[in-house]
């Protein structure tokens, strides 16, 4: 899988300190303002967000390009469908 430095992103969302369902809700709002194919980078601290983003992408058809954890922070890169 690619590292974050190899994937460019169009917008960044800081969801640190937010618990479920807020990271997903903020992601939905951000994606609504983006166009097809753009990439959103999300940084979260909720461990449940890993499962949440997998389910969110499966349900919405957006592509989960990266799911990574480092030092208690979770990094996600989503490509809007």
PDB file of N, CA and C in Angstrom:
ATOM      1  N   UNK A   1       0.852  -1.198   0.000  1.00  0.00           N
ATOM      2  CA  UNK A   1       0.000   0.000   0.000  1.00  0.00           C
ATOM      3  C   UNK A   1       0.883   1.241   0.000  1.00  0.00           C
ATOM      4  N   UNK A   2       0.428   2.276  -0.648  1.00  0.00           N
ATOM      5  CA  UNK A   2       1.191   3.519  -0.731  1.00  0.00           C
ATOM      6  C   UNK A   2       1.272   4.214   0.622  1.00  0.00           C
ATOM      7  N   UNK A   3       2.319   5.007   0.797  1.00  0.00           N
ATOM      8  CA  UNK A   3       2.409   5.827   1.993  1.00  0.00           C
ATOM      9  C   UNK A   3       1.764   7.167   1.690  1.00  0.00           C
ATOM     10  N   UNK A   4       1.475   7.921   2.731  1.00  0.00           N
ATOM     11  CA  UNK A   4       0.768   9.186   2.528  1.00  0.00           C
ATOM     12  C   UNK A   4       1.555  10.156   1.659  1.00  0.00           C
ATOM     13  N   UNK A   5       2.888  10.054   1.671  1.00  0.00           N
ATOM     14  CA  UNK A   5       3.698  10.989   0.903  1.00  0.00           C
ATOM     15  C   UNK A   5       3.585  10.710  -0.594  1.00  0.00           C
ATOM     16  N   UNK A   6       3.164   9.504  -0.981  1.00  0.00           N
ATOM     17  CA  UNK A   6       3.054   9.152  -2.386  1.00  0.00           C
ATOM     18  C   UNK A   6       1.684   9.487  -2.971  1.00  0.00           C
ATOM     19  N   UNK A   7       0.714   9.784  -2.116  1.00  0.00           N
ATOM     20  CA  UNK A   7      -0.637  10.102  -2.583  1.00  0.00           C
ATOM     21  C   UNK A   7      -0.915  11.573  -2.286  1.00  0.00           C
ATOM     22  N   UNK A   8      -1.217  12.321  -3.333  1.00  0.00           N
ATOM     23  CA  UNK A   8      -1.564  13.721  -3.094  1.00  0.00           C
ATOM     24  C   UNK A   8      -3.036  13.795  -2.709  1.00  0.00           C
ATOM     25  N   UNK A   9      -3.377  14.808  -1.932  1.00  0.00           N
ATOM     26  CA  UNK A   9      -4.766  14.979  -1.513  1.00  0.00           C
ATOM     27  C   UNK A   9      -5.197  16.409  -1.775  1.00  0.00           C
ATOM     28  N   UNK A  10      -6.506  16.575  -1.932  1.00  0.00           N
ATOM     29  CA  UNK A  10      -7.064  17.875  -2.284  1.00  0.00           C
ATOM     30  C   UNK A  10      -7.553  18.660  -1.071  1.00  0.00           C
ATOM     31  N   UNK A  11      -7.910  17.949  -0.030  1.00  0.00           N
ATOM     32  CA  UNK A  11      -8.453  18.595   1.163  1.00  0.00           C
ATOM     33  C   UNK A  11      -8.085  17.765   2.389  1.00  0.00           C
ATOM     34  N   UNK A  12      -7.947  18.428   3.529  1.00  0.00           N
ATOM     35  CA  UNK A  12      -7.598  17.732   4.770  1.00  0.00           C
ATOM     36  C   UNK A  12      -8.652  18.013   5.831  1.00  0.00           C
ATOM     37  N   UNK A  13      -8.997  16.966   6.579  1.00  0.00           N
ATOM     38  CA  UNK A  13      -9.974  17.081   7.656  1.00  0.00           C
ATOM     39  C   UNK A  13      -9.320  16.620   8.951  1.00  0.00           C
ATOM     40  N   UNK A  14      -9.302  17.485   9.954  1.00  0.00           N
ATOM     41  CA  UNK A  14      -8.759  17.129  11.264  1.00  0.00           C
ATOM     42  C   UNK A  14      -9.920  16.695  12.151  1.00  0.00           C
ATOM     43  N   UNK A  15     -10.014  15.391  12.409  1.00  0.00           N
ATOM     44  CA  UNK A  15     -11.087  14.850  13.248  1.00  0.00           C
ATOM     45  C   UNK A  15     -10.534  14.340  14.570  1.00  0.00           C
ATOM     46  N   UNK A  16      -9.359  14.826  14.949  1.00  0.00           N
ATOM     47  CA  UNK A  16      -8.756  14.403  16.220  1.00  0.00           C
ATOM     48  C   UNK A  16      -9.614  14.871  17.385  1.00  0.00           C
ATOM     49  N   UNK A  17      -9.781  13.992  18.360  1.00  0.00           N
ATOM     50  CA  UNK A  17     -10.566  14.326  19.547  1.00  0.00           C
ATOM     51  C   UNK A  17     -12.057  14.098  19.375  1.00  0.00           C
ATOM     52  N   UNK A  18     -12.481  13.747  18.173  1.00  0.00           N
ATOM     53  CA  UNK A  18     -13.901  13.500  17.919  1.00  0.00           C
ATOM     54  C   UNK A  18     -14.186  12.003  17.993  1.00  0.00           C
ATOM     55  N   UNK A  19     -15.313  11.661  18.593  1.00  0.00           N
ATOM     56  CA  UNK A  19     -15.709  10.261  18.667  1.00  0.00           C
ATOM     57  C   UNK A  19     -16.865   9.987  17.718  1.00  0.00           C
ATOM     58  N   UNK A  20     -17.069   8.714  17.429  1.00  0.00           N
ATOM     59  CA  UNK A  20     -18.131   8.253  16.546  1.00  0.00           C
ATOM     60  C   UNK A  20     -19.464   8.875  16.986  1.00  0.00           C
ATOM     61  N   UNK A  21     -20.245   9.371  16.065  1.00  0.00           N
ATOM     62  CA  UNK A  21     -20.131   9.330  14.598  1.00  0.00           C
ATOM     63  C   UNK A  21     -19.543  10.596  13.983  1.00  0.00           C
ATOM     64  N   UNK A  22     -18.985  11.498  14.795  1.00  0.00           N
ATOM     65  CA  UNK A  22     -18.564  12.807  14.274  1.00  0.00           C
ATOM     66  C   UNK A  22     -17.522  12.741  13.158  1.00  0.00           C
ATOM     67  N   UNK A  23     -16.484  11.877  13.238  1.00  0.00           N
ATOM     68  CA  UNK A  23     -15.536  11.844  12.105  1.00  0.00           C
ATOM     69  C   UNK A  23     -16.211  11.501  10.773  1.00  0.00           C
ATOM     70  N   UNK A  24     -17.150  10.572  10.798  1.00  0.00           N
ATOM     71  CA  UNK A  24     -17.863  10.193   9.574  1.00  0.00           C
ATOM     72  C   UNK A  24     -18.767  11.337   9.098  1.00  0.00           C
ATOM     73  N   UNK A  25     -19.466  11.972  10.018  1.00  0.00           N
ATOM     74  CA  UNK A  25     -20.355  13.082   9.648  1.00  0.00           C
ATOM     75  C   UNK A  25     -19.574  14.243   9.040  1.00  0.00           C
ATOM     76  N   UNK A  26     -18.423  14.553   9.631  1.00  0.00           N
ATOM     77  CA  UNK A  26     -17.580  15.633   9.086  1.00  0.00           C
ATOM     78  C   UNK A  26     -17.017  15.241   7.718  1.00  0.00           C
ATOM     79  N   UNK A  27     -16.702  13.955   7.567  1.00  0.00           N
ATOM     80  CA  UNK A  27     -16.196  13.455   6.287  1.00  0.00           C
ATOM     81  C   UNK A  27     -17.258  13.589   5.208  1.00  0.00           C
ATOM     82  N   UNK A  28     -18.491  13.191   5.536  1.00  0.00           N
ATOM     83  CA  UNK A  28     -19.592  13.316   4.571  1.00  0.00           C
ATOM     84  C   UNK A  28     -19.759  14.768   4.130  1.00  0.00           C
ATOM     85  N   UNK A  29     -19.709  15.675   5.080  1.00  0.00           N
ATOM     86  CA  UNK A  29     -19.867  17.105   4.789  1.00  0.00           C
ATOM     87  C   UNK A  29     -18.741  17.590   3.874  1.00  0.00           C
ATOM     88  N   UNK A  30     -17.515  17.189   4.170  1.00  0.00           N
ATOM     89  CA  UNK A  30     -16.373  17.593   3.339  1.00  0.00           C
ATOM     90  C   UNK A  30     -16.476  17.022   1.932  1.00  0.00           C
ATOM     91  N   UNK A  31     -16.860  15.742   1.827  1.00  0.00           N
ATOM     92  CA  UNK A  31     -16.978  15.110   0.516  1.00  0.00           C
ATOM     93  C   UNK A  31     -18.055  15.767  -0.343  1.00  0.00           C
ATOM     94  N   UNK A  32     -19.112  16.277   0.299  1.00  0.00           N
ATOM     95  CA  UNK A  32     -20.189  16.948  -0.437  1.00  0.00           C
ATOM     96  C   UNK A  32     -19.692  18.178  -1.186  1.00  0.00           C
ATOM     97  N   UNK A  33     -18.630  18.804  -0.663  1.00  0.00           N
ATOM     98  CA  UNK A  33     -18.075  20.010  -1.279  1.00  0.00           C
ATOM     99  C   UNK A  33     -16.960  19.694  -2.270  1.00  0.00           C
ATOM    100  N   UNK A  34     -16.706  18.403  -2.498  1.00  0.00           N
ATOM    101  CA  UNK A  34     -15.617  18.002  -3.383  1.00  0.00           C
ATOM    102  C   UNK A  34     -16.179  17.413  -4.678  1.00  0.00           C
ATOM    103  N   UNK A  35     -15.335  17.321  -5.696  1.00  0.00           N
ATOM    104  CA  UNK A  35     -15.761  16.766  -6.977  1.00  0.00           C
ATOM    105  C   UNK A  35     -15.242  15.339  -7.141  1.00  0.00           C
ATOM    106  N   UNK A  36     -15.827  14.629  -8.089  1.00  0.00           N
ATOM    107  CA  UNK A  36     -15.478  13.240  -8.384  1.00  0.00           C
ATOM    108  C   UNK A  36     -13.963  13.091  -8.572  1.00  0.00           C
ATOM    109  N   UNK A  37     -13.383  12.104  -7.873  1.00  0.00           N
ATOM    110  CA  UNK A  37     -11.967  11.801  -8.034  1.00  0.00           C
ATOM    111  C   UNK A  37     -11.039  12.546  -7.094  1.00  0.00           C
ATOM    112  N   UNK A  38     -11.552  13.564  -6.399  1.00  0.00           N
ATOM    113  CA  UNK A  38     -10.699  14.283  -5.456  1.00  0.00           C
ATOM    114  C   UNK A  38     -10.446  13.409  -4.226  1.00  0.00           C
ATOM    115  N   UNK A  39      -9.326  13.686  -3.547  1.00  0.00           N
ATOM    116  CA  UNK A  39      -8.903  12.884  -2.399  1.00  0.00           C
ATOM    117  C   UNK A  39      -8.981  13.717  -1.125  1.00  0.00           C
ATOM    118  N   UNK A  40      -9.587  13.129  -0.098  1.00  0.00           N
ATOM    119  CA  UNK A  40      -9.716  13.752   1.218  1.00  0.00           C
ATOM    120  C   UNK A  40      -8.833  13.002   2.205  1.00  0.00           C
ATOM    121  N   UNK A  41      -8.004  13.752   2.926  1.00  0.00           N
ATOM    122  CA  UNK A  41      -7.160  13.179   3.979  1.00  0.00           C
ATOM    123  C   UNK A  41      -7.837  13.457   5.316  1.00  0.00           C
ATOM    124  N   UNK A  42      -8.014  12.404   6.126  1.00  0.00           N
ATOM    125  CA  UNK A  42      -8.641  12.545   7.442  1.00  0.00           C
ATOM    126  C   UNK A  42      -7.674  12.039   8.496  1.00  0.00           C
ATOM    127  N   UNK A  43      -7.508  12.815   9.561  1.00  0.00           N
ATOM    128  CA  UNK A  43      -6.720  12.383  10.712  1.00  0.00           C
ATOM    129  C   UNK A  43      -7.676  12.308  11.896  1.00  0.00           C
ATOM    130  N   UNK A  44      -7.733  11.130  12.536  1.00  0.00           N
ATOM    131  CA  UNK A  44      -8.655  10.909  13.656  1.00  0.00           C
ATOM    132  C   UNK A  44      -7.914  10.231  14.804  1.00  0.00           C
ATOM    133  N   UNK A  45      -8.516  10.281  15.987  1.00  0.00           N
ATOM    134  CA  UNK A  45      -7.932   9.614  17.151  1.00  0.00           C
ATOM    135  C   UNK A  45      -8.842   8.519  17.708  1.00  0.00           C
ATOM    136  N   UNK A  46     -10.041   8.391  17.171  1.00  0.00           N
ATOM    137  CA  UNK A  46     -10.995   7.377  17.632  1.00  0.00           C
ATOM    138  C   UNK A  46     -10.631   6.015  17.021  1.00  0.00           C
ATOM    139  N   UNK A  47     -10.258   5.022  17.856  1.00  0.00           N
ATOM    140  CA  UNK A  47      -9.893   3.701  17.321  1.00  0.00           C
ATOM    141  C   UNK A  47     -11.018   3.055  16.523  1.00  0.00           C
ATOM    142  N   UNK A  48     -12.259   3.375  16.840  1.00  0.00           N
ATOM    143  CA  UNK A  48     -13.398   2.834  16.118  1.00  0.00           C
ATOM    144  C   UNK A  48     -13.521   3.388  14.707  1.00  0.00           C
ATOM    145  N   UNK A  49     -12.780   4.446  14.416  1.00  0.00           N
ATOM    146  CA  UNK A  49     -12.880   5.070  13.099  1.00  0.00           C
ATOM    147  C   UNK A  49     -12.355   4.158  11.990  1.00  0.00           C
ATOM    148  N   UNK A  50     -11.454   3.234  12.319  1.00  0.00           N
ATOM    149  CA  UNK A  50     -10.940   2.300  11.307  1.00  0.00           C
ATOM    150  C   UNK A  50     -12.096   1.492  10.725  1.00  0.00           C
ATOM    151  N   UNK A  51     -12.874   0.895  11.595  1.00  0.00           N
ATOM    152  CA  UNK A  51     -14.043   0.111  11.183  1.00  0.00           C
ATOM    153  C   UNK A  51     -15.090   1.015  10.533  1.00  0.00           C
ATOM    154  N   UNK A  52     -15.289   2.191  11.107  1.00  0.00           N
ATOM    155  CA  UNK A  52     -16.299   3.122  10.598  1.00  0.00           C
ATOM    156  C   UNK A  52     -16.004   3.547   9.157  1.00  0.00           C
ATOM    157  N   UNK A  53     -14.749   3.868   8.859  1.00  0.00           N
ATOM    158  CA  UNK A  53     -14.409   4.331   7.517  1.00  0.00           C
ATOM    159  C   UNK A  53     -14.473   3.195   6.503  1.00  0.00           C
ATOM    160  N   UNK A  54     -14.130   1.980   6.918  1.00  0.00           N
ATOM    161  CA  UNK A  54     -14.271   0.835   6.019  1.00  0.00           C
ATOM    162  C   UNK A  54     -15.740   0.647   5.642  1.00  0.00           C
ATOM    163  N   UNK A  55     -16.621   0.687   6.635  1.00  0.00           N
ATOM    164  CA  UNK A  55     -18.060   0.527   6.394  1.00  0.00           C
ATOM    165  C   UNK A  55     -18.608   1.696   5.571  1.00  0.00           C
ATOM    166  N   UNK A  56     -18.175   2.910   5.893  1.00  0.00           N
ATOM    167  CA  UNK A  56     -18.636   4.104   5.185  1.00  0.00           C
ATOM    168  C   UNK A  56     -18.306   4.001   3.691  1.00  0.00           C
ATOM    169  N   UNK A  57     -17.085   3.595   3.379  1.00  0.00           N
ATOM    170  CA  UNK A  57     -16.679   3.501   1.972  1.00  0.00           C
ATOM    171  C   UNK A  57     -17.433   2.391   1.251  1.00  0.00           C
ATOM    172  N   UNK A  58     -17.654   1.298   1.941  1.00  0.00           N
ATOM    173  CA  UNK A  58     -18.398   0.186   1.345  1.00  0.00           C
ATOM    174  C   UNK A  58     -19.833   0.622   1.017  1.00  0.00           C
ATOM    175  N   UNK A  59     -20.438   1.384   1.922  1.00  0.00           N
ATOM    176  CA  UNK A  59     -21.832   1.815   1.744  1.00  0.00           C
ATOM    177  C   UNK A  59     -21.972   2.924   0.712  1.00  0.00           C
ATOM    178  N   UNK A  60     -20.983   3.821   0.637  1.00  0.00           N
ATOM    179  CA  UNK A  60     -21.134   5.005  -0.207  1.00  0.00           C
ATOM    180  C   UNK A  60     -20.462   4.875  -1.570  1.00  0.00           C
ATOM    181  N   UNK A  61     -19.563   3.897  -1.716  1.00  0.00           N
ATOM    182  CA  UNK A  61     -18.868   3.737  -2.987  1.00  0.00           C
ATOM    183  C   UNK A  61     -17.628   4.592  -3.120  1.00  0.00           C
ATOM    184  N   UNK A  62     -17.309   5.383  -2.083  1.00  0.00           N
ATOM    185  CA  UNK A  62     -16.056   6.122  -2.094  1.00  0.00           C
ATOM    186  C   UNK A  62     -14.921   5.127  -1.864  1.00  0.00           C
ATOM    187  N   UNK A  63     -13.736   5.450  -2.357  1.00  0.00           N
ATOM    188  CA  UNK A  63     -12.613   4.513  -2.295  1.00  0.00           C
ATOM    189  C   UNK A  63     -11.688   4.849  -1.140  1.00  0.00           C
ATOM    190  N   UNK A  64     -11.437   3.857  -0.278  1.00  0.00           N
ATOM    191  CA  UNK A  64     -10.488   4.009   0.823  1.00  0.00           C
ATOM    192  C   UNK A  64      -9.107   3.684   0.278  1.00  0.00           C
ATOM    193  N   UNK A  65      -8.292   4.718   0.056  1.00  0.00           N
ATOM    194  CA  UNK A  65      -6.971   4.542  -0.532  1.00  0.00           C
ATOM    195  C   UNK A  65      -5.943   4.129   0.507  1.00  0.00           C
ATOM    196  N   UNK A  66      -6.121   4.610   1.744  1.00  0.00           N
ATOM    197  CA  UNK A  66      -5.145   4.356   2.796  1.00  0.00           C
ATOM    198  C   UNK A  66      -5.828   4.369   4.151  1.00  0.00           C
ATOM    199  N   UNK A  67      -5.444   3.434   4.976  1.00  0.00           N
ATOM    200  CA  UNK A  67      -5.873   3.396   6.373  1.00  0.00           C
ATOM    201  C   UNK A  67      -4.639   3.031   7.170  1.00  0.00           C
ATOM    202  N   UNK A  68      -4.191   3.961   8.017  1.00  0.00           N
ATOM    203  CA  UNK A  68      -2.918   3.796   8.695  1.00  0.00           C
ATOM    204  C   UNK A  68      -3.028   4.284  10.136  1.00  0.00           C
ATOM    205  N   UNK A  69      -2.255   3.688  11.037  1.00  0.00           N
ATOM    206  CA  UNK A  69      -2.248   4.124  12.433  1.00  0.00           C
ATOM    207  C   UNK A  69      -0.803   4.377  12.844  1.00  0.00           C
ATOM    208  N   UNK A  70      -0.594   5.487  13.543  1.00  0.00           N
ATOM    209  CA  UNK A  70       0.737   5.809  14.034  1.00  0.00           C
ATOM    210  C   UNK A  70       0.607   6.661  15.295  1.00  0.00           C
ATOM    211  N   UNK A  71       1.127   6.155  16.391  1.00  0.00           N
ATOM    212  CA  UNK A  71       1.123   6.925  17.636  1.00  0.00           C
ATOM    213  C   UNK A  71      -0.250   7.336  18.111  1.00  0.00           C
ATOM    214  N   UNK A  72      -1.249   6.466  17.914  1.00  0.00           N
ATOM    215  CA  UNK A  72      -2.595   6.768  18.388  1.00  0.00           C
ATOM    216  C   UNK A  72      -3.394   7.650  17.455  1.00  0.00           C
ATOM    217  N   UNK A  73      -2.816   8.006  16.315  1.00  0.00           N
ATOM    218  CA  UNK A  73      -3.550   8.772  15.311  1.00  0.00           C
ATOM    219  C   UNK A  73      -3.800   7.884  14.099  1.00  0.00           C
ATOM    220  N   UNK A  74      -4.990   8.030  13.553  1.00  0.00           N
ATOM    221  CA  UNK A  74      -5.410   7.218  12.417  1.00  0.00           C
ATOM    222  C   UNK A  74      -5.510   8.107  11.189  1.00  0.00           C
ATOM    223  N   UNK A  75      -4.858   7.671  10.140  1.00  0.00           N
ATOM    224  CA  UNK A  75      -4.831   8.429   8.897  1.00  0.00           C
ATOM    225  C   UNK A  75      -5.631   7.680   7.840  1.00  0.00           C
ATOM    226  N   UNK A  76      -6.508   8.400   7.174  1.00  0.00           N
ATOM    227  CA  UNK A  76      -7.320   7.824   6.099  1.00  0.00           C
ATOM    228  C   UNK A  76      -7.229   8.724   4.883  1.00  0.00           C
ATOM    229  N   UNK A  77      -7.159   8.098   3.717  1.00  0.00           N
ATOM    230  CA  UNK A  77      -7.253   8.833   2.453  1.00  0.00           C
ATOM    231  C   UNK A  77      -8.420   8.235   1.683  1.00  0.00           C
ATOM    232  N   UNK A  78      -9.378   9.084   1.346  1.00  0.00           N
ATOM    233  CA  UNK A  78     -10.583   8.651   0.622  1.00  0.00           C
ATOM    234  C   UNK A  78     -10.655   9.362  -0.705  1.00  0.00           C
ATOM    235  N   UNK A  79     -10.979   8.617  -1.756  1.00  0.00           N
ATOM    236  CA  UNK A  79     -11.214   9.222  -3.072  1.00  0.00           C
ATOM    237  C   UNK A  79     -12.722   9.275  -3.285  1.00  0.00           C
ATOM    238  N   UNK A  80     -13.207  10.478  -3.569  1.00  0.00           N
ATOM    239  CA  UNK A  80     -14.646  10.631  -3.798  1.00  0.00           C
ATOM    240  C   UNK A  80     -15.059   9.934  -5.087  1.00  0.00           C
ATOM    241  N   UNK A  81     -16.194   9.208  -4.995  1.00  0.00           N
ATOM    242  CA  UNK A  81     -16.693   8.494  -6.185  1.00  0.00           C
ATOM    243  C   UNK A  81     -17.242   9.445  -7.212  1.00  0.00           C
TER     244      UNK A  81
END
